[in-house]
């Protein structure tokens, strides 16, 4: 029964998205996207913070690759 409910929710969501897109409403953002935008653009960025973020991202990727193997 849960699979049927999930499937009907998926179909209803797809139809409503298609209806909005066909009427020209392309710029609707979900709350998750808005939160991500706030996180990305809330703090000023400079070369130093960019380098720190890049180093942190590289370390996270390397750590993820170690856990995969």
PDB file of N, CA and C in Angstrom:
ATOM      1  N   UNK A   1       0.816  -1.189   0.000  1.00  0.00           N
ATOM      2  CA  UNK A   1       0.000   0.000   0.000  1.00  0.00           C
ATOM      3  C   UNK A   1       0.863   1.258   0.000  1.00  0.00           C
ATOM      4  N   UNK A   2       1.963   1.231   0.735  1.00  0.00           N
ATOM      5  CA  UNK A   2       2.859   2.377   0.810  1.00  0.00           C
ATOM      6  C   UNK A   2       3.457   2.691  -0.565  1.00  0.00           C
ATOM      7  N   UNK A   3       3.768   1.654  -1.329  1.00  0.00           N
ATOM      8  CA  UNK A   3       4.331   1.855  -2.669  1.00  0.00           C
ATOM      9  C   UNK A   3       3.315   2.552  -3.562  1.00  0.00           C
ATOM     10  N   UNK A   4       2.062   2.188  -3.445  1.00  0.00           N
ATOM     11  CA  UNK A   4       1.008   2.813  -4.249  1.00  0.00           C
ATOM     12  C   UNK A   4       0.864   4.288  -3.874  1.00  0.00           C
ATOM     13  N   UNK A   5       0.898   4.581  -2.573  1.00  0.00           N
ATOM     14  CA  UNK A   5       0.813   5.974  -2.127  1.00  0.00           C
ATOM     15  C   UNK A   5       1.998   6.783  -2.627  1.00  0.00           C
ATOM     16  N   UNK A   6       3.204   6.210  -2.555  1.00  0.00           N
ATOM     17  CA  UNK A   6       4.391   6.900  -3.055  1.00  0.00           C
ATOM     18  C   UNK A   6       4.284   7.144  -4.554  1.00  0.00           C
ATOM     19  N   UNK A   7       3.782   6.169  -5.281  1.00  0.00           N
ATOM     20  CA  UNK A   7       3.654   6.300  -6.727  1.00  0.00           C
ATOM     21  C   UNK A   7       2.626   7.375  -7.088  1.00  0.00           C
ATOM     22  N   UNK A   8       1.505   7.392  -6.401  1.00  0.00           N
ATOM     23  CA  UNK A   8       0.492   8.407  -6.702  1.00  0.00           C
ATOM     24  C   UNK A   8       0.996   9.806  -6.333  1.00  0.00           C
ATOM     25  N   UNK A   9       1.737   9.917  -5.237  1.00  0.00           N
ATOM     26  CA  UNK A   9       2.324  11.207  -4.867  1.00  0.00           C
ATOM     27  C   UNK A   9       3.309  11.663  -5.946  1.00  0.00           C
ATOM     28  N   UNK A  10       4.114  10.754  -6.455  1.00  0.00           N
ATOM     29  CA  UNK A  10       5.077  11.060  -7.510  1.00  0.00           C
ATOM     30  C   UNK A  10       4.356  11.543  -8.769  1.00  0.00           C
ATOM     31  N   UNK A  11       3.305  10.857  -9.165  1.00  0.00           N
ATOM     32  CA  UNK A  11       2.547  11.235 -10.364  1.00  0.00           C
ATOM     33  C   UNK A  11       1.895  12.604 -10.170  1.00  0.00           C
ATOM     34  N   UNK A  12       1.260  12.831  -9.017  1.00  0.00           N
ATOM     35  CA  UNK A  12       0.618  14.120  -8.756  1.00  0.00           C
ATOM     36  C   UNK A  12       1.633  15.253  -8.773  1.00  0.00           C
ATOM     37  N   UNK A  13       2.786  15.021  -8.174  1.00  0.00           N
ATOM     38  CA  UNK A  13       3.832  16.036  -8.158  1.00  0.00           C
ATOM     39  C   UNK A  13       4.319  16.318  -9.580  1.00  0.00           C
ATOM     40  N   UNK A  14       4.499  15.272 -10.377  1.00  0.00           N
ATOM     41  CA  UNK A  14       4.939  15.449 -11.756  1.00  0.00           C
ATOM     42  C   UNK A  14       3.941  16.236 -12.582  1.00  0.00           C
ATOM     43  N   UNK A  15       2.670  15.961 -12.401  1.00  0.00           N
ATOM     44  CA  UNK A  15       1.633  16.676 -13.141  1.00  0.00           C
ATOM     45  C   UNK A  15       1.597  18.146 -12.731  1.00  0.00           C
ATOM     46  N   UNK A  16       1.703  18.422 -11.429  1.00  0.00           N
ATOM     47  CA  UNK A  16       1.656  19.822 -10.984  1.00  0.00           C
ATOM     48  C   UNK A  16       2.891  20.588 -11.453  1.00  0.00           C
ATOM     49  N   UNK A  17       4.048  19.946 -11.458  1.00  0.00           N
ATOM     50  CA  UNK A  17       5.260  20.607 -11.965  1.00  0.00           C
ATOM     51  C   UNK A  17       5.128  20.878 -13.455  1.00  0.00           C
ATOM     52  N   UNK A  18       4.616  19.920 -14.202  1.00  0.00           N
ATOM     53  CA  UNK A  18       4.425  20.106 -15.640  1.00  0.00           C
ATOM     54  C   UNK A  18       3.418  21.224 -15.910  1.00  0.00           C
ATOM     55  N   UNK A  19       2.350  21.292 -15.136  1.00  0.00           N
ATOM     56  CA  UNK A  19       1.353  22.340 -15.307  1.00  0.00           C
ATOM     57  C   UNK A  19       1.962  23.720 -15.049  1.00  0.00           C
ATOM     58  N   UNK A  20       2.741  23.851 -13.959  1.00  0.00           N
ATOM     59  CA  UNK A  20       3.373  25.143 -13.660  1.00  0.00           C
ATOM     60  C   UNK A  20       4.377  25.523 -14.738  1.00  0.00           C
ATOM     61  N   UNK A  21       5.172  24.564 -15.200  1.00  0.00           N
ATOM     62  CA  UNK A  21       6.173  24.854 -16.219  1.00  0.00           C
ATOM     63  C   UNK A  21       5.524  25.238 -17.538  1.00  0.00           C
ATOM     64  N   UNK A  22       4.445  24.573 -17.896  1.00  0.00           N
ATOM     65  CA  UNK A  22       3.783  24.889 -19.163  1.00  0.00           C
ATOM     66  C   UNK A  22       3.103  26.251 -19.128  1.00  0.00           C
ATOM     67  N   UNK A  23       2.798  26.757 -17.933  1.00  0.00           N
ATOM     68  CA  UNK A  23       2.212  28.092 -17.838  1.00  0.00           C
ATOM     69  C   UNK A  23       3.274  29.170 -17.654  1.00  0.00           C
ATOM     70  N   UNK A  24       4.549  28.788 -17.661  1.00  0.00           N
ATOM     71  CA  UNK A  24       5.635  29.769 -17.609  1.00  0.00           C
ATOM     72  C   UNK A  24       6.206  30.035 -16.240  1.00  0.00           C
ATOM     73  N   UNK A  25       5.859  29.276 -15.240  1.00  0.00           N
ATOM     74  CA  UNK A  25       6.402  29.461 -13.891  1.00  0.00           C
ATOM     75  C   UNK A  25       7.649  28.603 -13.718  1.00  0.00           C
ATOM     76  N   UNK A  26       8.804  29.159 -14.102  1.00  0.00           N
ATOM     77  CA  UNK A  26      10.049  28.397 -14.036  1.00  0.00           C
ATOM     78  C   UNK A  26      10.889  28.745 -12.815  1.00  0.00           C
ATOM     79  N   UNK A  27      10.637  29.852 -12.201  1.00  0.00           N
ATOM     80  CA  UNK A  27      11.531  30.373 -11.178  1.00  0.00           C
ATOM     81  C   UNK A  27      11.145  30.002  -9.752  1.00  0.00           C
ATOM     82  N   UNK A  28      10.317  29.014  -9.570  1.00  0.00           N
ATOM     83  CA  UNK A  28       9.951  28.610  -8.223  1.00  0.00           C
ATOM     84  C   UNK A  28      11.074  27.800  -7.597  1.00  0.00           C
ATOM     85  N   UNK A  29      11.474  28.197  -6.396  1.00  0.00           N
ATOM     86  CA  UNK A  29      12.537  27.485  -5.687  1.00  0.00           C
ATOM     87  C   UNK A  29      11.970  26.809  -4.453  1.00  0.00           C
ATOM     88  N   UNK A  30      12.499  25.653  -4.175  1.00  0.00           N
ATOM     89  CA  UNK A  30      12.082  24.937  -2.984  1.00  0.00           C
ATOM     90  C   UNK A  30      12.761  25.556  -1.759  1.00  0.00           C
ATOM     91  N   UNK A  31      12.250  25.287  -0.578  1.00  0.00           N
ATOM     92  CA  UNK A  31      12.900  25.800   0.638  1.00  0.00           C
ATOM     93  C   UNK A  31      14.345  25.321   0.770  1.00  0.00           C
ATOM     94  N   UNK A  32      14.634  24.127   0.288  1.00  0.00           N
ATOM     95  CA  UNK A  32      16.000  23.613   0.360  1.00  0.00           C
ATOM     96  C   UNK A  32      16.943  24.448  -0.506  1.00  0.00           C
ATOM     97  N   UNK A  33      16.479  24.826  -1.693  1.00  0.00           N
ATOM     98  CA  UNK A  33      17.296  25.650  -2.582  1.00  0.00           C
ATOM     99  C   UNK A  33      17.514  27.027  -1.972  1.00  0.00           C
ATOM    100  N   UNK A  34      16.477  27.598  -1.388  1.00  0.00           N
ATOM    101  CA  UNK A  34      16.613  28.905  -0.750  1.00  0.00           C
ATOM    102  C   UNK A  34      17.611  28.843   0.406  1.00  0.00           C
ATOM    103  N   UNK A  35      17.574  27.784   1.203  1.00  0.00           N
ATOM    104  CA  UNK A  35      18.525  27.634   2.308  1.00  0.00           C
ATOM    105  C   UNK A  35      19.949  27.498   1.783  1.00  0.00           C
ATOM    106  N   UNK A  36      20.124  26.769   0.694  1.00  0.00           N
ATOM    107  CA  UNK A  36      21.443  26.614   0.097  1.00  0.00           C
ATOM    108  C   UNK A  36      21.958  27.944  -0.434  1.00  0.00           C
ATOM    109  N   UNK A  37      21.103  28.727  -1.064  1.00  0.00           N
ATOM    110  CA  UNK A  37      21.511  30.052  -1.550  1.00  0.00           C
ATOM    111  C   UNK A  37      21.931  30.952  -0.401  1.00  0.00           C
ATOM    112  N   UNK A  38      21.156  30.940   0.686  1.00  0.00           N
ATOM    113  CA  UNK A  38      21.522  31.757   1.852  1.00  0.00           C
ATOM    114  C   UNK A  38      22.872  31.334   2.394  1.00  0.00           C
ATOM    115  N   UNK A  39      23.105  30.031   2.475  1.00  0.00           N
ATOM    116  CA  UNK A  39      24.373  29.533   2.992  1.00  0.00           C
ATOM    117  C   UNK A  39      25.538  29.949   2.105  1.00  0.00           C
ATOM    118  N   UNK A  40      25.335  29.870   0.801  1.00  0.00           N
ATOM    119  CA  UNK A  40      26.423  30.173  -0.133  1.00  0.00           C
ATOM    120  C   UNK A  40      26.733  31.661  -0.201  1.00  0.00           C
ATOM    121  N   UNK A  41      25.713  32.505  -0.144  1.00  0.00           N
ATOM    122  CA  UNK A  41      25.914  33.920  -0.396  1.00  0.00           C
ATOM    123  C   UNK A  41      25.832  34.791   0.846  1.00  0.00           C
ATOM    124  N   UNK A  42      25.707  34.202   2.020  1.00  0.00           N
ATOM    125  CA  UNK A  42      25.546  35.006   3.234  1.00  0.00           C
ATOM    126  C   UNK A  42      26.876  35.564   3.738  1.00  0.00           C
ATOM    127  N   UNK A  43      27.965  34.860   3.530  1.00  0.00           N
ATOM    128  CA  UNK A  43      29.254  35.336   4.015  1.00  0.00           C
ATOM    129  C   UNK A  43      30.086  35.850   2.844  1.00  0.00           C
ATOM    130  N   UNK A  44      30.796  36.953   3.064  1.00  0.00           N
ATOM    131  CA  UNK A  44      31.645  37.463   1.988  1.00  0.00           C
ATOM    132  C   UNK A  44      32.795  36.504   1.710  1.00  0.00           C
ATOM    133  N   UNK A  45      33.183  36.430   0.478  1.00  0.00           N
ATOM    134  CA  UNK A  45      34.233  35.503   0.084  1.00  0.00           C
ATOM    135  C   UNK A  45      35.458  36.287  -0.367  1.00  0.00           C
ATOM    136  N   UNK A  46      36.616  35.792   0.021  1.00  0.00           N
ATOM    137  CA  UNK A  46      37.862  36.352  -0.483  1.00  0.00           C
ATOM    138  C   UNK A  46      38.803  35.194  -0.804  1.00  0.00           C
ATOM    139  N   UNK A  47      39.981  35.502  -1.244  1.00  0.00           N
ATOM    140  CA  UNK A  47      40.914  34.456  -1.665  1.00  0.00           C
ATOM    141  C   UNK A  47      41.253  33.502  -0.517  1.00  0.00           C
ATOM    142  N   UNK A  48      41.428  34.047   0.674  1.00  0.00           N
ATOM    143  CA  UNK A  48      41.802  33.212   1.821  1.00  0.00           C
ATOM    144  C   UNK A  48      40.693  32.218   2.177  1.00  0.00           C
ATOM    145  N   UNK A  49      39.462  32.698   2.268  1.00  0.00           N
ATOM    146  CA  UNK A  49      38.365  31.781   2.614  1.00  0.00           C
ATOM    147  C   UNK A  49      38.108  30.782   1.486  1.00  0.00           C
ATOM    148  N   UNK A  50      38.302  31.216   0.232  1.00  0.00           N
ATOM    149  CA  UNK A  50      38.151  30.282  -0.881  1.00  0.00           C
ATOM    150  C   UNK A  50      39.179  29.158  -0.803  1.00  0.00           C
ATOM    151  N   UNK A  51      40.415  29.496  -0.462  1.00  0.00           N
ATOM    152  CA  UNK A  51      41.458  28.471  -0.340  1.00  0.00           C
ATOM    153  C   UNK A  51      41.162  27.526   0.823  1.00  0.00           C
ATOM    154  N   UNK A  52      40.667  28.051   1.923  1.00  0.00           N
ATOM    155  CA  UNK A  52      40.304  27.193   3.057  1.00  0.00           C
ATOM    156  C   UNK A  52      39.172  26.245   2.678  1.00  0.00           C
ATOM    157  N   UNK A  53      38.173  26.765   2.002  1.00  0.00           N
ATOM    158  CA  UNK A  53      37.050  25.921   1.583  1.00  0.00           C
ATOM    159  C   UNK A  53      37.498  24.856   0.591  1.00  0.00           C
ATOM    160  N   UNK A  54      38.371  25.212  -0.336  1.00  0.00           N
ATOM    161  CA  UNK A  54      38.888  24.253  -1.301  1.00  0.00           C
ATOM    162  C   UNK A  54      39.677  23.152  -0.600  1.00  0.00           C
ATOM    163  N   UNK A  55      40.513  23.519   0.368  1.00  0.00           N
ATOM    164  CA  UNK A  55      41.288  22.537   1.121  1.00  0.00           C
ATOM    165  C   UNK A  55      40.360  21.600   1.901  1.00  0.00           C
ATOM    166  N   UNK A  56      39.339  22.172   2.530  1.00  0.00           N
ATOM    167  CA  UNK A  56      38.386  21.366   3.294  1.00  0.00           C
ATOM    168  C   UNK A  56      37.616  20.413   2.369  1.00  0.00           C
ATOM    169  N   UNK A  57      37.210  20.906   1.202  1.00  0.00           N
ATOM    170  CA  UNK A  57      36.496  20.055   0.248  1.00  0.00           C
ATOM    171  C   UNK A  57      37.372  18.918  -0.251  1.00  0.00           C
ATOM    172  N   UNK A  58      38.642  19.211  -0.545  1.00  0.00           N
ATOM    173  CA  UNK A  58      39.568  18.156  -0.998  1.00  0.00           C
ATOM    174  C   UNK A  58      39.759  17.098   0.080  1.00  0.00           C
ATOM    175  N   UNK A  59      39.892  17.538   1.311  1.00  0.00           N
ATOM    176  CA  UNK A  59      40.042  16.577   2.410  1.00  0.00           C
ATOM    177  C   UNK A  59      38.791  15.717   2.566  1.00  0.00           C
ATOM    178  N   UNK A  60      37.625  16.323   2.436  1.00  0.00           N
ATOM    179  CA  UNK A  60      36.378  15.559   2.539  1.00  0.00           C
ATOM    180  C   UNK A  60      36.250  14.538   1.418  1.00  0.00           C
ATOM    181  N   UNK A  61      36.623  14.931   0.201  1.00  0.00           N
ATOM    182  CA  UNK A  61      36.558  14.005  -0.927  1.00  0.00           C
ATOM    183  C   UNK A  61      37.541  12.862  -0.724  1.00  0.00           C
ATOM    184  N   UNK A  62      38.747  13.181  -0.285  1.00  0.00           N
ATOM    185  CA  UNK A  62      39.748  12.137  -0.043  1.00  0.00           C
ATOM    186  C   UNK A  62      39.258  11.173   1.038  1.00  0.00           C
ATOM    187  N   UNK A  63      38.653  11.705   2.088  1.00  0.00           N
ATOM    188  CA  UNK A  63      38.133  10.862   3.166  1.00  0.00           C
ATOM    189  C   UNK A  63      37.008   9.971   2.642  1.00  0.00           C
ATOM    190  N   UNK A  64      36.142  10.510   1.781  1.00  0.00           N
ATOM    191  CA  UNK A  64      35.064   9.709   1.205  1.00  0.00           C
ATOM    192  C   UNK A  64      35.614   8.593   0.329  1.00  0.00           C
ATOM    193  N   UNK A  65      36.677   8.879  -0.437  1.00  0.00           N
ATOM    194  CA  UNK A  65      37.275   7.854  -1.310  1.00  0.00           C
ATOM    195  C   UNK A  65      37.897   6.740  -0.483  1.00  0.00           C
ATOM    196  N   UNK A  66      38.451   7.060   0.650  1.00  0.00           N
ATOM    197  CA  UNK A  66      39.051   6.039   1.512  1.00  0.00           C
ATOM    198  C   UNK A  66      37.953   5.121   2.051  1.00  0.00           C
ATOM    199  N   UNK A  67      36.809   5.702   2.427  1.00  0.00           N
ATOM    200  CA  UNK A  67      35.716   4.901   2.990  1.00  0.00           C
ATOM    201  C   UNK A  67      35.051   4.024   1.935  1.00  0.00           C
ATOM    202  N   UNK A  68      35.122   4.410   0.671  1.00  0.00           N
ATOM    203  CA  UNK A  68      34.509   3.622  -0.393  1.00  0.00           C
ATOM    204  C   UNK A  68      35.312   2.352  -0.632  1.00  0.00           C
ATOM    205  N   UNK A  69      36.616   2.462  -0.608  1.00  0.00           N
ATOM    206  CA  UNK A  69      37.472   1.303  -0.926  1.00  0.00           C
ATOM    207  C   UNK A  69      37.648   0.466   0.251  1.00  0.00           C
TER     208      UNK A  69
END
